[in-house]
Amino acid sequence: MECQTSRNEPLTIEEYASVLPEVLDDQDVDRITVIGHHTGASIASEFAKSHPSRVDKIILHGIPLYTKEERKERMSNLKVDLSPKKDGSHLVNYWNWIQSRVGGRATLESCQMSLLHVFLAGENEWFCHHAAFAYNLEKTLLELRQPCLIISNTGDPLHYIIPRVQSLRDDFTYRELEGGSVFFIRDEPEKWVDCIGDFL
């Protein structure tokens, strides 16, 4: 499926998920376990809902299940000025913002990866967050029929949302990991893989 969009119009979670069947077909893969982190958790959930015959199990880490008030607040703070400055302060400012979010809980390598990804994405880097904040994840979670593992780590900025998910779906499997940051999967890959092994 070819998504029709302009440079200034964000895609939706449904549109991001719509390309996944083509990826699987291209690789001659029929069914998968789909894994999503943060915005990816919404994409994975949408794909599992829209194409249930292609998804055996679901693993979600960091669930953006926001209230209407939270979604509105986040929508109003989407865009960051990434335009280049002669003195390089645009890079320093964003680096300092990342540090203010993760402190000493993440490796410098993960912080650098995050900064590079944002600037490589350029002026439309906010598109994916717009999609996540606009998406009705609650409705989708209620419709999922595959076995689902929900992972959270206590240092993740979305950790506080887990009780909301549990109130919706007490039939899901839940695992909590200690510490870390939003970059837990990159910084603690062995702990993360150990956490999903039994479920798989």
Protein backbone atom coordinates (compact mmCIF):
# COMPACT_ATOMS: atom_id res chain seq x y z
CA MET A 1 0.00 0.00 0.00
CA GLU A 2 1.35 3.40 -0.91
CA CYS A 3 0.70 6.08 1.67
CA GLN A 4 -0.36 9.42 0.22
CA THR A 5 0.94 12.35 2.25
CA SER A 6 2.60 15.71 1.86
CA ARG A 7 5.74 16.90 3.59
CA ASN A 8 3.66 18.82 6.11
CA GLU A 9 1.00 16.21 6.89
CA PRO A 10 1.80 13.49 9.44
CA LEU A 11 0.93 9.87 8.82
CA THR A 12 -1.38 7.98 11.18
CA ILE A 13 -0.64 4.86 13.19
CA GLU A 14 -2.94 2.98 10.82
CA GLU A 15 -0.84 4.12 7.85
CA TYR A 16 2.44 3.15 9.51
CA ALA A 17 1.02 -0.31 10.29
CA SER A 18 -0.44 -0.74 6.81
CA VAL A 19 2.96 -1.32 5.18
CA LEU A 20 3.89 -4.27 7.41
CA PRO A 21 2.03 -6.96 5.41
CA GLU A 22 4.08 -5.99 2.37
CA VAL A 23 7.28 -6.32 4.39
CA LEU A 24 6.28 -9.82 5.52
CA ASP A 25 5.24 -10.82 2.02
CA ASP A 26 8.55 -9.59 0.64
CA GLN A 27 10.36 -11.81 3.15
CA ASP A 28 8.04 -14.81 2.60
CA VAL A 29 6.95 -14.67 6.23
CA ASP A 30 3.38 -15.68 7.03
CA ARG A 31 2.99 -15.20 10.82
CA ILE A 32 5.08 -13.40 13.39
CA THR A 33 5.38 -12.30 16.97
CA VAL A 34 5.19 -8.53 16.74
CA ILE A 35 7.17 -6.33 19.14
CA GLY A 36 6.63 -2.61 19.70
CA HIS A 37 8.25 0.01 21.93
CA HIS A 38 6.52 3.32 22.79
CA THR A 39 5.11 4.64 19.46
CA GLY A 40 6.00 1.23 18.06
CA ALA A 41 3.67 -0.32 20.64
CA SER A 42 0.77 1.49 18.98
CA ILE A 43 1.92 0.39 15.53
CA ALA A 44 2.32 -3.22 16.67
CA SER A 45 -1.11 -3.19 18.31
CA GLU A 46 -2.79 -1.75 15.22
CA PHE A 47 -1.11 -4.32 13.01
CA ALA A 48 -2.19 -7.18 15.28
CA LYS A 49 -5.76 -5.86 15.32
CA SER A 50 -5.99 -5.22 11.58
CA HIS A 51 -4.18 -8.41 10.49
CA PRO A 52 -4.88 -10.96 13.25
CA SER A 53 -4.13 -13.93 11.01
CA ARG A 54 -0.54 -12.75 10.66
CA VAL A 55 0.26 -12.25 14.35
CA ASP A 56 0.77 -15.12 16.80
CA LYS A 57 1.80 -13.09 19.84
CA ILE A 58 2.35 -9.46 20.84
CA ILE A 59 5.09 -7.92 23.00
CA LEU A 60 4.70 -4.28 24.00
CA HIS A 61 7.16 -2.21 26.03
CA GLY A 62 6.18 1.28 27.13
CA ILE A 63 2.49 1.78 26.38
CA PRO A 64 1.39 5.27 25.23
CA LEU A 65 -2.11 4.88 26.67
CA TYR A 66 -2.69 8.56 27.40
CA THR A 67 -5.73 10.31 28.80
CA LYS A 68 -7.43 12.92 26.61
CA GLU A 69 -5.81 15.63 28.71
CA GLU A 70 -2.35 14.13 28.31
CA ARG A 71 -2.80 13.73 24.57
CA LYS A 72 -3.89 17.36 24.22
CA GLU A 73 -0.93 18.59 26.27
CA ARG A 74 1.55 16.53 24.26
CA MET A 75 0.04 17.62 20.96
CA SER A 76 0.69 21.24 21.94
CA ASN A 77 4.41 20.57 22.50
CA LEU A 78 5.34 18.47 19.48
CA LYS A 79 7.65 20.62 17.44
CA VAL A 80 11.21 21.43 18.45
CA ASP A 81 13.43 23.92 16.63
CA LEU A 82 16.12 21.75 15.03
CA SER A 83 17.37 24.38 12.61
CA PRO A 84 21.17 24.52 12.46
CA LYS A 85 22.97 27.28 14.34
CA LYS A 86 26.44 28.49 13.41
CA ASP A 87 27.78 27.83 16.90
CA GLY A 88 26.30 24.31 17.04
CA SER A 89 24.04 25.25 19.93
CA HIS A 90 21.11 23.38 18.33
CA LEU A 91 23.02 20.14 18.96
CA VAL A 92 24.06 21.10 22.48
CA ASN A 93 20.54 22.21 23.39
CA TYR A 94 19.02 18.93 22.26
CA TRP A 95 21.77 16.94 23.97
CA ASN A 96 21.06 18.78 27.22
CA TRP A 97 17.34 18.07 26.84
CA ILE A 98 18.05 14.35 26.49
CA GLN A 99 20.28 14.45 29.55
CA SER A 100 17.56 16.19 31.54
CA ARG A 101 15.21 13.32 30.67
CA VAL A 102 17.45 10.33 31.37
CA GLY A 103 20.11 11.67 33.73
CA GLY A 104 22.60 8.96 34.56
CA ARG A 105 20.14 6.15 33.79
CA ALA A 106 21.18 5.74 30.14
CA THR A 107 24.50 5.22 28.40
CA LEU A 108 26.07 8.07 26.48
CA GLU A 109 25.93 5.86 23.38
CA SER A 110 22.14 5.61 23.63
CA CYS A 111 21.80 9.34 24.17
CA GLN A 112 23.93 9.98 21.11
CA MET A 113 21.87 7.50 19.07
CA SER A 114 18.71 9.38 20.04
CA LEU A 115 20.17 12.73 19.06
CA LEU A 116 21.41 11.43 15.71
CA HIS A 117 18.05 9.85 14.87
CA VAL A 118 16.19 13.07 15.61
CA PHE A 119 18.44 15.22 13.43
CA LEU A 120 18.50 12.66 10.63
CA ALA A 121 14.68 12.67 10.64
CA GLY A 122 14.82 16.44 10.22
CA GLU A 123 11.90 18.82 10.21
CA ASN A 124 9.31 16.02 10.24
CA GLU A 125 10.75 14.19 13.26
CA TRP A 126 7.58 15.00 15.21
CA PHE A 127 5.33 13.04 12.82
CA CYS A 128 5.52 9.74 14.70
CA HIS A 129 4.69 11.32 18.04
CA HIS A 130 1.74 13.11 16.47
CA ALA A 131 0.50 9.73 15.25
CA ALA A 132 0.86 8.19 18.71
CA PHE A 133 -0.93 11.04 20.48
CA ALA A 134 -3.80 11.03 17.97
CA TYR A 135 -4.32 7.26 18.04
CA ASN A 136 -7.09 5.55 20.04
CA LEU A 137 -4.91 2.86 21.62
CA GLU A 138 -7.47 1.99 24.29
CA LYS A 139 -9.97 0.81 21.69
CA THR A 140 -7.33 -1.30 19.97
CA LEU A 141 -6.06 -2.91 23.18
CA LEU A 142 -9.61 -3.98 23.99
CA GLU A 143 -9.93 -5.65 20.58
CA LEU A 144 -6.69 -7.65 20.65
CA ARG A 145 -7.19 -11.41 20.78
CA GLN A 146 -3.61 -12.71 20.64
CA PRO A 147 -1.55 -13.50 23.75
CA CYS A 148 0.15 -10.26 24.81
CA LEU A 149 3.16 -9.56 27.02
CA ILE A 150 3.41 -6.07 28.51
CA ILE A 151 6.89 -5.03 29.67
CA SER A 152 7.84 -1.94 31.60
CA ASN A 153 10.96 -0.77 33.39
CA THR A 154 10.72 1.51 36.39
CA GLY A 155 12.91 4.18 34.78
CA ASP A 156 10.77 4.43 31.66
CA PRO A 157 8.78 7.68 31.38
CA LEU A 158 5.65 5.64 30.51
CA HIS A 159 5.96 3.24 33.46
CA TYR A 160 3.19 5.09 35.32
CA ILE A 161 0.68 4.01 32.65
CA ILE A 162 0.88 0.28 33.37
CA PRO A 163 -2.02 0.26 35.91
CA ARG A 164 -4.26 1.71 33.18
CA VAL A 165 -3.39 -1.14 30.87
CA GLN A 166 -3.96 -3.69 33.64
CA SER A 167 -7.41 -2.25 34.33
CA LEU A 168 -8.28 -2.78 30.66
CA ARG A 169 -6.69 -6.20 30.14
CA ASP A 170 -6.00 -8.26 33.22
CA ASP A 171 -5.59 -11.26 30.91
CA PHE A 172 -2.33 -9.91 29.49
CA THR A 173 0.99 -11.07 30.92
CA TYR A 174 2.98 -8.37 32.75
CA ARG A 175 6.69 -8.11 33.52
CA GLU A 176 8.47 -5.30 35.35
CA LEU A 177 12.18 -4.58 35.04
CA GLU A 178 14.10 -2.42 37.51
CA GLY A 179 15.69 0.90 36.63
CA GLY A 180 16.97 1.96 33.25
CA SER A 181 15.49 4.63 31.01
CA VAL A 182 13.56 4.92 27.76
CA PHE A 183 16.64 3.28 26.20
CA PHE A 184 16.43 0.12 28.35
CA ILE A 185 16.28 -2.29 25.40
CA ARG A 186 19.49 -0.89 23.93
CA ASP A 187 21.32 -0.51 27.25
CA GLU A 188 20.22 -3.80 28.88
CA PRO A 189 19.58 -6.20 25.98
CA GLU A 190 20.36 -9.40 27.91
CA LYS A 191 17.93 -8.54 30.72
CA TRP A 192 15.29 -7.64 28.15
CA VAL A 193 15.69 -10.86 26.16
CA ASP A 194 15.59 -12.91 29.37
CA CYS A 195 12.30 -11.19 30.21
CA ILE A 196 10.57 -12.29 27.01
CA GLY A 197 12.00 -15.80 26.71
CA ASP A 198 9.31 -17.69 28.62
CA PHE A 199 6.51 -15.86 26.81
CA LEU A 200 7.92 -16.74 23.42
